[in-house]
Protein backbone atom coordinates (compact mmCIF):
# COMPACT_ATOMS: atom_id res chain seq x y z
CA MET A 1 -8.22 15.04 -13.99
CA SER A 2 -10.32 13.04 -11.69
CA ALA A 3 -11.89 14.46 -8.39
CA ARG A 4 -10.80 12.85 -5.16
CA GLY A 5 -13.14 10.56 -3.75
CA ASN A 6 -13.48 7.39 -1.70
CA LEU A 7 -11.31 4.31 -3.50
CA VAL A 8 -13.38 1.04 -3.05
CA ILE A 9 -11.27 -1.90 -3.94
CA ASN A 10 -12.31 -5.60 -3.42
CA ASP A 11 -10.18 -7.99 -2.20
CA ARG A 12 -9.22 -11.51 -3.33
CA ALA A 13 -11.57 -13.48 -0.32
CA THR A 14 -13.59 -16.47 -1.50
CA THR A 15 -16.23 -13.89 -0.86
CA PRO A 16 -14.59 -10.89 -2.00
CA VAL A 17 -14.89 -8.00 0.63
CA ALA A 18 -15.05 -4.25 -0.70
CA HIS A 19 -12.51 -1.95 1.17
CA THR A 20 -13.01 1.48 1.27
CA TYR A 21 -10.07 3.98 1.56
CA THR A 22 -11.22 7.50 2.48
CA PRO A 23 -8.88 10.71 1.37
CA ASP A 24 -6.50 11.85 3.91
CA GLY A 25 -5.01 14.66 2.09
CA ASP A 26 -1.64 15.03 0.85
CA ASP A 27 2.13 14.41 1.96
CA LYS A 28 4.65 16.97 1.23
CA ASN A 29 5.58 15.61 -1.94
CA GLY A 30 2.00 15.93 -3.63
CA VAL A 31 1.18 12.25 -3.16
CA HIS A 32 -2.29 11.53 -2.78
CA LEU A 33 -3.07 9.82 0.85
CA TYR A 34 -6.14 7.56 1.75
CA SER A 35 -6.69 4.86 4.65
CA GLU A 36 -9.26 2.45 5.26
CA LYS A 37 -10.62 3.57 9.02
CA GLY A 38 -10.64 0.88 11.46
CA SER A 39 -10.75 1.04 15.61
CA VAL A 40 -7.39 1.38 15.89
CA PRO A 41 -5.88 3.96 14.12
CA ALA A 42 -2.17 2.41 14.05
CA GLY A 43 -3.82 -0.52 12.08
CA ASN A 44 -5.24 1.67 9.51
CA ALA A 45 -4.64 0.40 5.99
CA LYS A 46 -3.00 2.95 3.95
CA TYR A 47 -3.25 3.49 0.34
CA SER A 48 -1.11 6.26 -1.52
CA ILE A 49 -1.08 7.51 -5.31
CA GLY A 50 1.10 10.01 -6.83
CA LEU A 51 2.44 11.33 -10.38
CA ARG A 52 5.67 13.36 -11.18
CA GLN A 53 7.58 14.59 -14.02
CA THR A 54 11.19 14.00 -13.62
CA GLY A 55 13.62 13.36 -16.39
CA GLY A 56 11.14 13.96 -19.01
CA ARG A 57 9.15 11.19 -18.18
CA TYR A 58 5.84 10.50 -16.25
CA ARG A 59 6.46 8.39 -13.30
CA GLY A 60 3.49 7.25 -10.94
CA SER A 61 3.51 5.29 -7.88
CA ILE A 62 1.12 3.43 -5.99
CA ARG A 63 1.46 2.23 -2.36
CA LEU A 64 -0.58 -0.07 0.01
CA ALA A 65 0.37 -0.93 3.61
CA ILE A 66 -1.71 -3.33 5.52
CA PRO A 67 -1.03 -3.76 9.16
CA VAL A 68 -2.34 -6.75 11.42
CA VAL A 69 -3.54 -5.56 14.56
CA GLN A 70 -3.96 -8.16 17.60
CA THR A 71 -5.01 -7.58 21.53
CA GLN A 72 -1.95 -7.93 23.68
CA THR A 73 -2.71 -8.64 27.45
CA ILE A 74 0.06 -7.71 29.84
CA ASN A 75 -0.75 -8.13 33.84
CA GLY A 76 -4.35 -8.05 32.88
CA VAL A 77 -4.14 -4.94 30.64
CA SER A 78 -5.36 -5.70 27.11
CA THR A 79 -3.85 -3.20 24.52
CA PRO A 80 -4.08 -3.16 20.75
CA VAL A 81 -0.68 -3.51 18.93
CA VAL A 82 0.54 -3.75 15.16
CA VAL A 83 2.17 -7.33 14.78
CA ARG A 84 3.30 -7.08 11.05
CA THR A 85 2.68 -5.57 8.08
CA SER A 86 2.14 -6.24 4.39
CA TYR A 87 3.46 -3.88 1.57
CA MET A 88 2.75 -3.67 -2.01
CA GLU A 89 4.16 -1.19 -4.46
CA VAL A 90 3.66 -0.69 -8.22
CA ASN A 91 5.58 2.05 -10.42
CA THR A 92 5.30 3.29 -13.56
CA SER A 93 7.35 5.28 -16.03
CA PHE A 94 6.07 6.63 -19.28
CA ASP A 95 7.68 8.55 -22.04
CA PRO A 96 5.67 11.67 -22.66
CA LEU A 97 5.10 10.71 -26.52
CA SER A 98 3.48 7.70 -25.41
CA ALA A 99 -0.14 7.05 -26.58
CA THR A 100 -3.17 6.57 -24.10
CA GLN A 101 -3.52 3.07 -25.63
CA GLU A 102 0.01 2.10 -24.86
CA ARG A 103 -0.31 3.28 -21.40
CA ALA A 104 -3.75 1.51 -20.89
CA ASP A 105 -2.21 -1.60 -22.30
CA ALA A 106 0.62 -1.76 -20.17
CA VAL A 107 -1.74 -1.23 -17.20
CA GLY A 108 -3.94 -3.96 -18.50
CA LEU A 109 -0.97 -6.34 -18.89
CA MET A 110 0.20 -5.70 -15.30
CA VAL A 111 -3.17 -6.21 -13.81
CA ASN A 112 -3.98 -9.36 -15.56
CA SER A 113 -0.43 -10.81 -14.81
CA LEU A 114 -1.45 -10.35 -11.01
CA ALA A 115 -4.59 -12.55 -11.66
CA ALA A 116 -5.06 -15.70 -9.86
CA ALA A 117 -4.92 -17.76 -12.68
CA GLN A 118 -1.30 -16.56 -13.47
CA ALA A 119 0.02 -19.75 -11.42
CA GLN A 120 3.65 -18.58 -11.39
CA ILE A 121 3.37 -15.22 -10.49
CA ASN A 122 0.53 -16.17 -7.97
CA ASP A 123 2.68 -18.98 -6.50
CA LEU A 124 5.76 -16.70 -6.27
CA ILE A 125 3.78 -13.67 -4.82
CA VAL A 126 0.88 -15.22 -2.75
CA ASN A 127 2.49 -18.53 -1.74
CA LEU A 128 6.08 -17.49 -1.40
CA SER A 129 6.93 -20.21 -3.79
CA ASP A 130 9.70 -19.41 -6.22
CA ILE A 131 9.77 -20.35 -9.97
CA TYR A 132 12.12 -23.26 -10.99
């Protein structure tokens, strides 16, 4: 079992930026919550991860929410507002008889399928261009 600490995750910028998500506790369902603190709390990026056992399977869930904050000026008063939010979600479901290596291989395949070099997948997800 891992101890909870900061999560440091690089983005895909030309010069990658390390984003630090700090622990925020748990929600009512035992999901571990993290956020990347910014100057406007409503604009904090949120990361969550949880594991539960249902129907004899181990089900993991990872979620990421990244809001975009802009300054809105009305009648000379400037206020930060969230104008849009990007969401990502990854779910896993493993049989209790699965081996550690099987699970590691499945995770590795999924992670590598999201690499920029996987043109079809990257174009669909990043460039919003369907596959024909």
